[in-house]
C-alpha cells in the first residue's frame, strides 16, 4: 500500500511528466541515430561501388584504346603486306621475300584477338 501510494504520487508529480518527455526524446534520438547509421553504411557501400565502377570503366577504356591501336596496326600492316606482294617479284630476292613473310606471320600472330 505504501509502495502504491509512492508510485501514484510520483505519477501525479511534475517529475513523472519530465521523465516521460526525457524518455521520449531519448528514444527518438536513438531511432534517428540508428537510421543515420544505416544511411551511413548505405553511403559507404555506394561509394565503394562507385570506386569499383570507375576502376572498371578505366580498365575498359584502356582495353578499347588497346584494341583500336591493334586494329590500326593491323590495317597498316595489311596495306604493307599487299604492297609487298605487288612488288615481291619485281625487286626482292627470294631470301628477302621469305624474311618479310616470316615477319608478316609473326605480326599476325601477335595481333590476333582473343
PDB file of N, CA and C in Angstrom:
ATOM      1  N   UNK A   1       0.806  -1.183   0.000  1.00  0.00           N
ATOM      2  CA  UNK A   1       0.000   0.000   0.000  1.00  0.00           C
ATOM      3  C   UNK A   1       0.862   1.265   0.000  1.00  0.00           C
ATOM      4  N   UNK A   2       1.928   1.233   0.750  1.00  0.00           N
ATOM      5  CA  UNK A   2       2.819   2.392   0.798  1.00  0.00           C
ATOM      6  C   UNK A   2       3.514   2.563  -0.554  1.00  0.00           C
ATOM      7  N   UNK A   3       3.914   1.446  -1.144  1.00  0.00           N
ATOM      8  CA  UNK A   3       4.597   1.494  -2.441  1.00  0.00           C
ATOM      9  C   UNK A   3       3.647   2.018  -3.511  1.00  0.00           C
ATOM     10  N   UNK A   4       2.403   1.592  -3.491  1.00  0.00           N
ATOM     11  CA  UNK A   4       1.454   2.088  -4.489  1.00  0.00           C
ATOM     12  C   UNK A   4       1.177   3.567  -4.297  1.00  0.00           C
ATOM     13  N   UNK A   5       1.144   4.029  -3.059  1.00  0.00           N
ATOM     14  CA  UNK A   5       0.962   5.460  -2.808  1.00  0.00           C
ATOM     15  C   UNK A   5       2.150   6.263  -3.346  1.00  0.00           C
ATOM     16  N   UNK A   6       3.340   5.729  -3.171  1.00  0.00           N
ATOM     17  CA  UNK A   6       4.541   6.419  -3.673  1.00  0.00           C
ATOM     18  C   UNK A   6       4.502   6.480  -5.199  1.00  0.00           C
ATOM     19  N   UNK A   7       4.114   5.369  -5.816  1.00  0.00           N
ATOM     20  CA  UNK A   7       4.035   5.322  -7.274  1.00  0.00           C
ATOM     21  C   UNK A   7       2.962   6.273  -7.775  1.00  0.00           C
ATOM     22  N   UNK A   8       1.801   6.280  -7.140  1.00  0.00           N
ATOM     23  CA  UNK A   8       0.723   7.188  -7.551  1.00  0.00           C
ATOM     24  C   UNK A   8       1.124   8.639  -7.358  1.00  0.00           C
ATOM     25  N   UNK A   9       1.793   8.959  -6.274  1.00  0.00           N
ATOM     26  CA  UNK A   9       2.259  10.331  -6.057  1.00  0.00           C
ATOM     27  C   UNK A   9       3.311  10.731  -7.094  1.00  0.00           C
ATOM     28  N   UNK A  10       4.172   9.768  -7.451  1.00  0.00           N
ATOM     29  CA  UNK A  10       5.182  10.048  -8.480  1.00  0.00           C
ATOM     30  C   UNK A  10       4.516  10.308  -9.827  1.00  0.00           C
ATOM     31  N   UNK A  11       3.494   9.499 -10.153  1.00  0.00           N
ATOM     32  CA  UNK A  11       2.773   9.668 -11.422  1.00  0.00           C
ATOM     33  C   UNK A  11       2.071  11.027 -11.454  1.00  0.00           C
ATOM     34  N   UNK A  12       1.556  11.471 -10.355  1.00  0.00           N
ATOM     35  CA  UNK A  12       0.849  12.745 -10.289  1.00  0.00           C
ATOM     36  C   UNK A  12       1.809  13.944 -10.254  1.00  0.00           C
ATOM     37  N   UNK A  13       3.070  13.725  -9.998  1.00  0.00           N
ATOM     38  CA  UNK A  13       4.017  14.826  -9.857  1.00  0.00           C
ATOM     39  C   UNK A  13       4.526  15.304 -11.213  1.00  0.00           C
ATOM     40  N   UNK A  14       5.160  16.470 -11.193  1.00  0.00           N
ATOM     41  CA  UNK A  14       5.725  17.032 -12.412  1.00  0.00           C
ATOM     42  C   UNK A  14       6.964  16.254 -12.862  1.00  0.00           C
ATOM     43  N   UNK A  15       7.613  15.522 -11.974  1.00  0.00           N
ATOM     44  CA  UNK A  15       8.794  14.736 -12.352  1.00  0.00           C
ATOM     45  C   UNK A  15       8.437  13.576 -13.272  1.00  0.00           C
ATOM     46  N   UNK A  16       7.261  13.030 -13.097  1.00  0.00           N
ATOM     47  CA  UNK A  16       6.824  11.938 -13.981  1.00  0.00           C
ATOM     48  C   UNK A  16       6.660  12.449 -15.400  1.00  0.00           C
ATOM     49  N   UNK A  17       6.036  13.618 -15.544  1.00  0.00           N
ATOM     50  CA  UNK A  17       5.884  14.216 -16.871  1.00  0.00           C
ATOM     51  C   UNK A  17       7.257  14.520 -17.474  1.00  0.00           C
ATOM     52  N   UNK A  18       8.163  15.023 -16.670  1.00  0.00           N
ATOM     53  CA  UNK A  18       9.522  15.281 -17.136  1.00  0.00           C
ATOM     54  C   UNK A  18      10.211  13.968 -17.547  1.00  0.00           C
ATOM     55  N   UNK A  19      10.002  12.918 -16.747  1.00  0.00           N
ATOM     56  CA  UNK A  19      10.559  11.599 -17.076  1.00  0.00           C
ATOM     57  C   UNK A  19      10.020  11.092 -18.414  1.00  0.00           C
ATOM     58  N   UNK A  20       8.728  11.250 -18.649  1.00  0.00           N
ATOM     59  CA  UNK A  20       8.116  10.810 -19.915  1.00  0.00           C
ATOM     60  C   UNK A  20       8.693  11.598 -21.090  1.00  0.00           C
ATOM     61  N   UNK A  21       8.808  12.904 -20.946  1.00  0.00           N
ATOM     62  CA  UNK A  21       9.333  13.742 -22.032  1.00  0.00           C
ATOM     63  C   UNK A  21      10.783  13.387 -22.327  1.00  0.00           C
ATOM     64  N   UNK A  22      11.595  13.253 -21.302  1.00  0.00           N
ATOM     65  CA  UNK A  22      13.009  12.901 -21.492  1.00  0.00           C
ATOM     66  C   UNK A  22      13.122  11.515 -22.119  1.00  0.00           C
ATOM     67  N   UNK A  23      12.310  10.581 -21.679  1.00  0.00           N
ATOM     68  CA  UNK A  23      12.338   9.222 -22.256  1.00  0.00           C
ATOM     69  C   UNK A  23      11.963   9.260 -23.731  1.00  0.00           C
ATOM     70  N   UNK A  24      10.936  10.028 -24.091  1.00  0.00           N
ATOM     71  CA  UNK A  24      10.521  10.139 -25.489  1.00  0.00           C
ATOM     72  C   UNK A  24      11.629  10.748 -26.338  1.00  0.00           C
ATOM     73  N   UNK A  25      12.286  11.769 -25.814  1.00  0.00           N
ATOM     74  CA  UNK A  25      13.377  12.403 -26.552  1.00  0.00           C
ATOM     75  C   UNK A  25      14.540  11.434 -26.735  1.00  0.00           C
ATOM     76  N   UNK A  26      14.883  10.694 -25.687  1.00  0.00           N
ATOM     77  CA  UNK A  26      15.982   9.727 -25.782  1.00  0.00           C
ATOM     78  C   UNK A  26      15.648   8.629 -26.792  1.00  0.00           C
ATOM     79  N   UNK A  27      14.423   8.138 -26.771  1.00  0.00           N
ATOM     80  CA  UNK A  27      14.007   7.096 -27.731  1.00  0.00           C
ATOM     81  C   UNK A  27      14.039   7.649 -29.146  1.00  0.00           C
ATOM     82  N   UNK A  28      13.562   8.876 -29.342  1.00  0.00           N
ATOM     83  CA  UNK A  28      13.560   9.494 -30.673  1.00  0.00           C
ATOM     84  C   UNK A  28      14.989   9.679 -31.189  1.00  0.00           C
ATOM     85  N   UNK A  29      15.867  10.153 -30.321  1.00  0.00           N
ATOM     86  CA  UNK A  29      17.272  10.330 -30.718  1.00  0.00           C
ATOM     87  C   UNK A  29      17.905   8.980 -31.036  1.00  0.00           C
ATOM     88  N   UNK A  30      17.579   7.954 -30.271  1.00  0.00           N
ATOM     89  CA  UNK A  30      18.107   6.615 -30.551  1.00  0.00           C
ATOM     90  C   UNK A  30      17.655   6.098 -31.904  1.00  0.00           C
ATOM     91  N   UNK A  31      16.379   6.300 -32.230  1.00  0.00           N
ATOM     92  CA  UNK A  31      15.865   5.866 -33.534  1.00  0.00           C
ATOM     93  C   UNK A  31      16.537   6.639 -34.665  1.00  0.00           C
ATOM     94  N   UNK A  32      16.685   7.957 -34.489  1.00  0.00           N
ATOM     95  CA  UNK A  32      17.375   8.756 -35.513  1.00  0.00           C
ATOM     96  C   UNK A  32      18.826   8.316 -35.681  1.00  0.00           C
ATOM     97  N   UNK A  33      19.478   7.962 -34.588  1.00  0.00           N
ATOM     98  CA  UNK A  33      20.864   7.506 -34.655  1.00  0.00           C
ATOM     99  C   UNK A  33      20.967   6.193 -35.440  1.00  0.00           C
ATOM    100  N   UNK A  34      20.027   5.281 -35.201  1.00  0.00           N
ATOM    101  CA  UNK A  34      20.022   4.007 -35.934  1.00  0.00           C
ATOM    102  C   UNK A  34      19.796   4.258 -37.423  1.00  0.00           C
ATOM    103  N   UNK A  35      18.843   5.136 -37.755  1.00  0.00           N
ATOM    104  CA  UNK A  35      18.586   5.457 -39.167  1.00  0.00           C
ATOM    105  C   UNK A  35      19.802   6.107 -39.811  1.00  0.00           C
ATOM    106  N   UNK A  36      20.444   7.000 -39.065  1.00  0.00           N
ATOM    107  CA  UNK A  36      21.635   7.672 -39.584  1.00  0.00           C
ATOM    108  C   UNK A  36      22.768   6.681 -39.834  1.00  0.00           C
ATOM    109  N   UNK A  37      22.949   5.731 -38.938  1.00  0.00           N
ATOM    110  CA  UNK A  37      23.973   4.700 -39.140  1.00  0.00           C
ATOM    111  C   UNK A  37      23.661   3.843 -40.353  1.00  0.00           C
ATOM    112  N   UNK A  38      22.386   3.502 -40.554  1.00  0.00           N
ATOM    113  CA  UNK A  38      22.001   2.718 -41.730  1.00  0.00           C
ATOM    114  C   UNK A  38      22.281   3.499 -43.011  1.00  0.00           C
ATOM    115  N   UNK A  39      21.956   4.779 -43.021  1.00  0.00           N
ATOM    116  CA  UNK A  39      22.223   5.613 -44.205  1.00  0.00           C
ATOM    117  C   UNK A  39      23.725   5.740 -44.444  1.00  0.00           C
ATOM    118  N   UNK A  40      24.490   5.883 -43.366  1.00  0.00           N
ATOM    119  CA  UNK A  40      25.941   5.993 -43.489  1.00  0.00           C
ATOM    120  C   UNK A  40      26.521   4.708 -44.094  1.00  0.00           C
ATOM    121  N   UNK A  41      26.036   3.562 -43.641  1.00  0.00           N
ATOM    122  CA  UNK A  41      26.500   2.287 -44.209  1.00  0.00           C
ATOM    123  C   UNK A  41      26.122   2.170 -45.672  1.00  0.00           C
ATOM    124  N   UNK A  42      24.926   2.605 -46.021  1.00  0.00           N
ATOM    125  CA  UNK A  42      24.489   2.554 -47.416  1.00  0.00           C
ATOM    126  C   UNK A  42      25.342   3.481 -48.286  1.00  0.00           C
ATOM    127  N   UNK A  43      25.667   4.663 -47.759  1.00  0.00           N
ATOM    128  CA  UNK A  43      26.533   5.595 -48.487  1.00  0.00           C
ATOM    129  C   UNK A  43      27.914   4.981 -48.705  1.00  0.00           C
ATOM    130  N   UNK A  44      28.442   4.321 -47.692  1.00  0.00           N
ATOM    131  CA  UNK A  44      29.753   3.664 -47.843  1.00  0.00           C
ATOM    132  C   UNK A  44      29.711   2.586 -48.911  1.00  0.00           C
ATOM    133  N   UNK A  45      28.643   1.781 -48.915  1.00  0.00           N
ATOM    134  CA  UNK A  45      28.512   0.742 -49.943  1.00  0.00           C
ATOM    135  C   UNK A  45      28.453   1.354 -51.331  1.00  0.00           C
ATOM    136  N   UNK A  46      27.666   2.422 -51.478  1.00  0.00           N
ATOM    137  CA  UNK A  46      27.544   3.074 -52.784  1.00  0.00           C
ATOM    138  C   UNK A  46      28.855   3.726 -53.209  1.00  0.00           C
ATOM    139  N   UNK A  47      29.596   4.312 -52.268  1.00  0.00           N
ATOM    140  CA  UNK A  47      30.900   4.882 -52.600  1.00  0.00           C
ATOM    141  C   UNK A  47      31.866   3.797 -53.074  1.00  0.00           C
ATOM    142  N   UNK A  48      31.853   2.651 -52.403  1.00  0.00           N
ATOM    143  CA  UNK A  48      32.707   1.538 -52.836  1.00  0.00           C
ATOM    144  C   UNK A  48      32.302   1.052 -54.219  1.00  0.00           C
ATOM    145  N   UNK A  49      31.009   1.019 -54.478  1.00  0.00           N
ATOM    146  CA  UNK A  49      30.534   0.594 -55.795  1.00  0.00           C
ATOM    147  C   UNK A  49      30.944   1.604 -56.866  1.00  0.00           C
ATOM    148  N   UNK A  50      30.881   2.887 -56.533  1.00  0.00           N
ATOM    149  CA  UNK A  50      31.309   3.929 -57.477  1.00  0.00           C
ATOM    150  C   UNK A  50      32.789   3.782 -57.791  1.00  0.00           C
ATOM    151  N   UNK A  51      33.595   3.545 -56.770  1.00  0.00           N
ATOM    152  CA  UNK A  51      35.039   3.360 -56.979  1.00  0.00           C
ATOM    153  C   UNK A  51      35.289   2.144 -57.860  1.00  0.00           C
ATOM    154  N   UNK A  52      34.561   1.066 -57.585  1.00  0.00           N
ATOM    155  CA  UNK A  52      34.718  -0.148 -58.384  1.00  0.00           C
ATOM    156  C   UNK A  52      34.313   0.100 -59.835  1.00  0.00           C
ATOM    157  N   UNK A  53      33.220   0.826 -60.041  1.00  0.00           N
ATOM    158  CA  UNK A  53      32.766   1.119 -61.400  1.00  0.00           C
ATOM    159  C   UNK A  53      33.741   2.043 -62.128  1.00  0.00           C
ATOM    160  N   UNK A  54      34.335   2.988 -61.409  1.00  0.00           N
ATOM    161  CA  UNK A  54      35.336   3.863 -62.030  1.00  0.00           C
ATOM    162  C   UNK A  54      36.548   3.056 -62.476  1.00  0.00           C
ATOM    163  N   UNK A  55      36.987   2.129 -61.621  1.00  0.00           N
ATOM    164  CA  UNK A  55      38.137   1.290 -61.980  1.00  0.00           C
ATOM    165  C   UNK A  55      37.808   0.402 -63.172  1.00  0.00           C
ATOM    166  N   UNK A  56      36.599  -0.150 -63.184  1.00  0.00           N
ATOM    167  CA  UNK A  56      36.180  -0.989 -64.310  1.00  0.00           C
ATOM    168  C   UNK A  56      36.107  -0.162 -65.584  1.00  0.00           C
ATOM    169  N   UNK A  57      35.566   1.046 -65.478  1.00  0.00           N
ATOM    170  CA  UNK A  57      35.470   1.935 -66.625  1.00  0.00           C
ATOM    171  C   UNK A  57      36.850   2.290 -67.160  1.00  0.00           C
ATOM    172  N   UNK A  58      37.783   2.579 -66.258  1.00  0.00           N
ATOM    173  CA  UNK A  58      39.145   2.892 -66.670  1.00  0.00           C
ATOM    174  C   UNK A  58      39.784   1.706 -67.384  1.00  0.00           C
ATOM    175  N   UNK A  59      39.579   0.516 -66.831  1.00  0.00           N
ATOM    176  CA  UNK A  59      40.127  -0.690 -67.454  1.00  0.00           C
ATOM    177  C   UNK A  59      39.515  -0.926 -68.838  1.00  0.00           C
ATOM    178  N   UNK A  60      38.213  -0.728 -68.946  1.00  0.00           N
ATOM    179  CA  UNK A  60      37.549  -0.916 -70.243  1.00  0.00           C
ATOM    180  C   UNK A  60      38.011   0.123 -71.259  1.00  0.00           C
ATOM    181  N   UNK A  61      38.215   1.359 -70.807  1.00  0.00           N
ATOM    182  CA  UNK A  61      38.727   2.387 -71.723  1.00  0.00           C
ATOM    183  C   UNK A  61      40.125   2.044 -72.218  1.00  0.00           C
ATOM    184  N   UNK A  62      40.960   1.546 -71.302  1.00  0.00           N
ATOM    185  CA  UNK A  62      42.302   1.134 -71.720  1.00  0.00           C
ATOM    186  C   UNK A  62      42.229  -0.030 -72.703  1.00  0.00           C
ATOM    187  N   UNK A  63      41.310  -0.960 -72.458  1.00  0.00           N
ATOM    188  CA  UNK A  63      41.137  -2.094 -73.365  1.00  0.00           C
ATOM    189  C   UNK A  63      40.660  -1.616 -74.734  1.00  0.00           C
ATOM    190  N   UNK A  64      39.729  -0.668 -74.747  1.00  0.00           N
ATOM    191  CA  UNK A  64      39.238  -0.125 -76.018  1.00  0.00           C
ATOM    192  C   UNK A  64      40.372   0.556 -76.770  1.00  0.00           C
ATOM    193  N   UNK A  65      41.171   1.354 -76.063  1.00  0.00           N
ATOM    194  CA  UNK A  65      42.306   2.017 -76.716  1.00  0.00           C
ATOM    195  C   UNK A  65      43.295   1.002 -77.270  1.00  0.00           C
ATOM    196  N   UNK A  66      43.531  -0.053 -76.506  1.00  0.00           N
ATOM    197  CA  UNK A  66      44.452  -1.095 -76.962  1.00  0.00           C
ATOM    198  C   UNK A  66      43.907  -1.783 -78.220  1.00  0.00           C
ATOM    199  N   UNK A  67      42.610  -2.101 -78.212  1.00  0.00           N
ATOM    200  CA  UNK A  67      42.005  -2.756 -79.380  1.00  0.00           C
ATOM    201  C   UNK A  67      42.042  -1.832 -80.591  1.00  0.00           C
ATOM    202  N   UNK A  68      41.820  -0.518 -80.383  1.00  0.00           N
ATOM    203  CA  UNK A  68      41.882   0.420 -81.504  1.00  0.00           C
ATOM    204  C   UNK A  68      43.295   0.500 -82.078  1.00  0.00           C
ATOM    205  N   UNK A  69      44.282   0.487 -81.189  1.00  0.00           N
ATOM    206  CA  UNK A  69      45.665   0.503 -81.671  1.00  0.00           C
ATOM    207  C   UNK A  69      45.979  -0.786 -82.425  1.00  0.00           C
ATOM    208  N   UNK A  70      45.468  -1.910 -81.912  1.00  0.00           N
ATOM    209  CA  UNK A  70      45.670  -3.183 -82.622  1.00  0.00           C
ATOM    210  C   UNK A  70      45.056  -3.127 -84.009  1.00  0.00           C
ATOM    211  N   UNK A  71      43.847  -2.597 -84.106  1.00  0.00           N
ATOM    212  CA  UNK A  71      43.183  -2.503 -85.409  1.00  0.00           C
ATOM    213  C   UNK A  71      43.943  -1.576 -86.344  1.00  0.00           C
ATOM    214  N   UNK A  72      44.437  -0.469 -85.799  1.00  0.00           N
ATOM    215  CA  UNK A  72      45.206   0.468 -86.619  1.00  0.00           C
ATOM    216  C   UNK A  72      46.480  -0.193 -87.134  1.00  0.00           C
ATOM    217  N   UNK A  73      47.176  -0.900 -86.250  1.00  0.00           N
ATOM    218  CA  UNK A  73      48.404  -1.604 -86.669  1.00  0.00           C
ATOM    219  C   UNK A  73      48.073  -2.684 -87.686  1.00  0.00           C
ATOM    220  N   UNK A  74      47.004  -3.401 -87.436  1.00  0.00           N
ATOM    221  CA  UNK A  74      46.609  -4.473 -88.357  1.00  0.00           C
ATOM    222  C   UNK A  74      46.260  -3.910 -89.732  1.00  0.00           C
ATOM    223  N   UNK A  75      45.532  -2.804 -89.758  1.00  0.00           N
ATOM    224  CA  UNK A  75      45.163  -2.190 -91.042  1.00  0.00           C
ATOM    225  C   UNK A  75      46.397  -1.682 -91.777  1.00  0.00           C
ATOM    226  N   UNK A  76      47.284  -1.026 -91.037  1.00  0.00           N
ATOM    227  CA  UNK A  76      48.512  -0.516 -91.646  1.00  0.00           C
ATOM    228  C   UNK A  76      49.366  -1.656 -92.167  1.00  0.00           C
ATOM    229  N   UNK A  77      49.465  -2.709 -91.364  1.00  0.00           N
ATOM    230  CA  UNK A  77      50.300  -3.828 -91.763  1.00  0.00           C
ATOM    231  C   UNK A  77      49.688  -4.583 -92.934  1.00  0.00           C
ATOM    232  N   UNK A  78      48.373  -4.667 -92.977  1.00  0.00           N
ATOM    233  CA  UNK A  78      47.711  -5.332 -94.102  1.00  0.00           C
ATOM    234  C   UNK A  78      47.996  -4.576 -95.389  1.00  0.00           C
ATOM    235  N   UNK A  79      47.945  -3.265 -95.338  1.00  0.00           N
ATOM    236  CA  UNK A  79      48.272  -2.465 -96.526  1.00  0.00           C
ATOM    237  C   UNK A  79      49.726  -2.683 -96.936  1.00  0.00           C
ATOM    238  N   UNK A  80      50.610  -2.777 -95.967  1.00  0.00           N
ATOM    239  CA  UNK A  80      52.022  -3.028 -96.268  1.00  0.00           C
ATOM    240  C   UNK A  80      52.198  -4.405 -96.889  1.00  0.00           C
ATOM    241  N   UNK A  81      51.472  -5.377 -96.371  1.00  0.00           N
ATOM    242  CA  UNK A  81      51.541  -6.735 -96.895  1.00  0.00           C
ATOM    243  C   UNK A  81      51.117  -6.767 -98.358  1.00  0.00           C
ATOM    244  N   UNK A  82      50.066  -6.063 -98.693  1.00  0.00           N
ATOM    245  CA  UNK A  82      49.600  -6.020-100.087  1.00  0.00           C
ATOM    246  C   UNK A  82      50.623  -5.333-100.984  1.00  0.00           C
ATOM    247  N   UNK A  83      51.234  -4.280-100.478  1.00  0.00           N
ATOM    248  CA  UNK A  83      52.259  -3.581-101.260  1.00  0.00           C
ATOM    249  C   UNK A  83      53.460  -4.487-101.502  1.00  0.00           C
ATOM    250  N   UNK A  84      53.840  -5.242-100.490  1.00  0.00           N
ATOM    251  CA  UNK A  84      54.975  -6.160-100.637  1.00  0.00           C
ATOM    252  C   UNK A  84      54.637  -7.238-101.672  1.00  0.00           C
ATOM    253  N   UNK A  85      53.429  -7.759-101.619  1.00  0.00           N
ATOM    254  CA  UNK A  85      53.042  -8.787-102.584  1.00  0.00           C
ATOM    255  C   UNK A  85      53.054  -8.238-104.009  1.00  0.00           C
ATOM    256  N   UNK A  86      52.721  -6.970-104.184  1.00  0.00           N
ATOM    257  CA  UNK A  86      52.719  -6.367-105.515  1.00  0.00           C
ATOM    258  C   UNK A  86      54.124  -6.221-106.085  1.00  0.00           C
ATOM    259  N   UNK A  87      55.097  -5.961-105.238  1.00  0.00           N
ATOM    260  CA  UNK A  87      56.453  -5.725-105.740  1.00  0.00           C
ATOM    261  C   UNK A  87      57.406  -6.884-105.482  1.00  0.00           C
ATOM    262  N   UNK A  88      56.916  -7.956-104.877  1.00  0.00           N
ATOM    263  CA  UNK A  88      57.841  -9.010-104.469  1.00  0.00           C
ATOM    264  C   UNK A  88      58.567  -9.652-105.650  1.00  0.00           C
ATOM    265  N   UNK A  89      57.919  -9.787-106.775  1.00  0.00           N
ATOM    266  CA  UNK A  89      58.571 -10.441-107.900  1.00  0.00           C
ATOM    267  C   UNK A  89      59.411  -9.467-108.713  1.00  0.00           C
ATOM    268  N   UNK A  90      59.209  -8.190-108.517  1.00  0.00           N
ATOM    269  CA  UNK A  90      59.934  -7.210-109.316  1.00  0.00           C
ATOM    270  C   UNK A  90      61.287  -6.835-108.707  1.00  0.00           C
ATOM    271  N   UNK A  91      61.335  -6.617-107.373  1.00  0.00           N
ATOM    272  CA  UNK A  91      62.539  -6.045-106.793  1.00  0.00           C
ATOM    273  C   UNK A  91      63.191  -6.899-105.709  1.00  0.00           C
ATOM    274  N   UNK A  92      62.475  -7.818-105.091  1.00  0.00           N
ATOM    275  CA  UNK A  92      63.007  -8.529-103.947  1.00  0.00           C
ATOM    276  C   UNK A  92      63.515  -9.920-104.326  1.00  0.00           C
ATOM    277  N   UNK A  93      64.548 -10.323-103.627  1.00  0.00           N
ATOM    278  CA  UNK A  93      65.059 -11.669-103.828  1.00  0.00           C
ATOM    279  C   UNK A  93      64.217 -12.646-103.003  1.00  0.00           C
ATOM    280  N   UNK A  94      64.428 -13.937-103.236  1.00  0.00           N
ATOM    281  CA  UNK A  94      63.677 -14.952-102.500  1.00  0.00           C
ATOM    282  C   UNK A  94      63.956 -14.883-101.000  1.00  0.00           C
ATOM    283  N   UNK A  95      65.191 -14.633-100.610  1.00  0.00           N
ATOM    284  CA  UNK A  95      65.534 -14.527 -99.187  1.00  0.00           C
ATOM    285  C   UNK A  95      64.803 -13.353 -98.527  1.00  0.00           C
ATOM    286  N   UNK A  96      64.756 -12.237 -99.231  1.00  0.00           N
ATOM    287  CA  UNK A  96      64.042 -11.072 -98.690  1.00  0.00           C
ATOM    288  C   UNK A  96      62.546 -11.344 -98.571  1.00  0.00           C
ATOM    289  N   UNK A  97      61.999 -12.005 -99.572  1.00  0.00           N
ATOM    290  CA  UNK A  97      60.567 -12.332 -99.558  1.00  0.00           C
ATOM    291  C   UNK A  97      60.263 -13.277 -98.391  1.00  0.00           C
ATOM    292  N   UNK A  98      61.109 -14.292 -98.183  1.00  0.00           N
ATOM    293  CA  UNK A  98      60.895 -15.221 -97.067  1.00  0.00           C
ATOM    294  C   UNK A  98      61.018 -14.512 -95.718  1.00  0.00           C
ATOM    295  N   UNK A  99      61.969 -13.607 -95.604  1.00  0.00           N
ATOM    296  CA  UNK A  99      62.134 -12.851 -94.357  1.00  0.00           C
ATOM    297  C   UNK A  99      60.905 -11.976 -94.093  1.00  0.00           C
ATOM    298  N   UNK A 100      60.432 -11.305 -95.114  1.00  0.00           N
ATOM    299  CA  UNK A 100      59.241 -10.462 -94.952  1.00  0.00           C
ATOM    300  C   UNK A 100      58.011 -11.303 -94.621  1.00  0.00           C
ATOM    301  N   UNK A 101      57.881 -12.450 -95.260  1.00  0.00           N
ATOM    302  CA  UNK A 101      56.746 -13.326 -94.942  1.00  0.00           C
ATOM    303  C   UNK A 101      56.807 -13.818 -93.493  1.00  0.00           C
ATOM    304  N   UNK A 102      58.006 -14.108 -93.015  1.00  0.00           N
ATOM    305  CA  UNK A 102      58.156 -14.525 -91.607  1.00  0.00           C
ATOM    306  C   UNK A 102      57.767 -13.391 -90.672  1.00  0.00           C
ATOM    307  N   UNK A 103      58.187 -12.185 -91.006  1.00  0.00           N
ATOM    308  CA  UNK A 103      57.825 -11.019 -90.193  1.00  0.00           C
ATOM    309  C   UNK A 103      56.312 -10.806 -90.211  1.00  0.00           C
ATOM    310  N   UNK A 104      55.733 -10.921 -91.390  1.00  0.00           N
ATOM    311  CA  UNK A 104      54.277 -10.748 -91.521  1.00  0.00           C
ATOM    312  C   UNK A 104      53.544 -11.782 -90.679  1.00  0.00           C
ATOM    313  N   UNK A 105      53.960 -13.013 -90.765  1.00  0.00           N
ATOM    314  CA  UNK A 105      53.309 -14.065 -89.973  1.00  0.00           C
ATOM    315  C   UNK A 105      53.449 -13.822 -88.471  1.00  0.00           C
ATOM    316  N   UNK A 106      54.638 -13.367 -88.058  1.00  0.00           N
ATOM    317  CA  UNK A 106      54.838 -13.068 -86.631  1.00  0.00           C
ATOM    318  C   UNK A 106      53.917 -11.937 -86.170  1.00  0.00           C
ATOM    319  N   UNK A 107      53.791 -10.902 -86.996  1.00  0.00           N
ATOM    320  CA  UNK A 107      52.892  -9.797 -86.631  1.00  0.00           C
ATOM    321  C   UNK A 107      51.445 -10.262 -86.554  1.00  0.00           C
ATOM    322  N   UNK A 108      51.021 -11.075 -87.494  1.00  0.00           N
ATOM    323  CA  UNK A 108      49.641 -11.567 -87.462  1.00  0.00           C
ATOM    324  C   UNK A 108      49.378 -12.407 -86.202  1.00  0.00           C
ATOM    325  N   UNK A 109      50.370 -13.182 -85.802  1.00  0.00           N
ATOM    326  CA  UNK A 109      50.198 -13.990 -84.593  1.00  0.00           C
ATOM    327  C   UNK A 109      50.055 -13.115 -83.357  1.00  0.00           C
ATOM    328  N   UNK A 110      50.815 -12.027 -83.304  1.00  0.00           N
ATOM    329  CA  UNK A 110      50.736 -11.154 -82.122  1.00  0.00           C
ATOM    330  C   UNK A 110      49.495 -10.269 -82.123  1.00  0.00           C
ATOM    331  N   UNK A 111      48.920 -10.046 -83.284  1.00  0.00           N
ATOM    332  CA  UNK A 111      47.755  -9.154 -83.364  1.00  0.00           C
ATOM    333  C   UNK A 111      46.418  -9.894 -83.288  1.00  0.00           C
ATOM    334  N   UNK A 112      46.462 -11.188 -83.222  1.00  0.00           N
ATOM    335  CA  UNK A 112      45.210 -11.938 -83.172  1.00  0.00           C
ATOM    336  C   UNK A 112      44.425 -11.556 -81.934  1.00  0.00           C
ATOM    337  N   UNK A 113      43.120 -11.405 -82.107  1.00  0.00           N
ATOM    338  CA  UNK A 113      42.245 -11.084 -80.973  1.00  0.00           C
ATOM    339  C   UNK A 113      41.870 -12.354 -80.247  1.00  0.00           C
ATOM    340  N   UNK A 114      41.746 -12.214 -78.937  1.00  0.00           N
ATOM    341  CA  UNK A 114      41.402 -13.375 -78.118  1.00  0.00           C
ATOM    342  C   UNK A 114      39.909 -13.446 -77.939  1.00  0.00           C
TER     343      UNK A 114
END
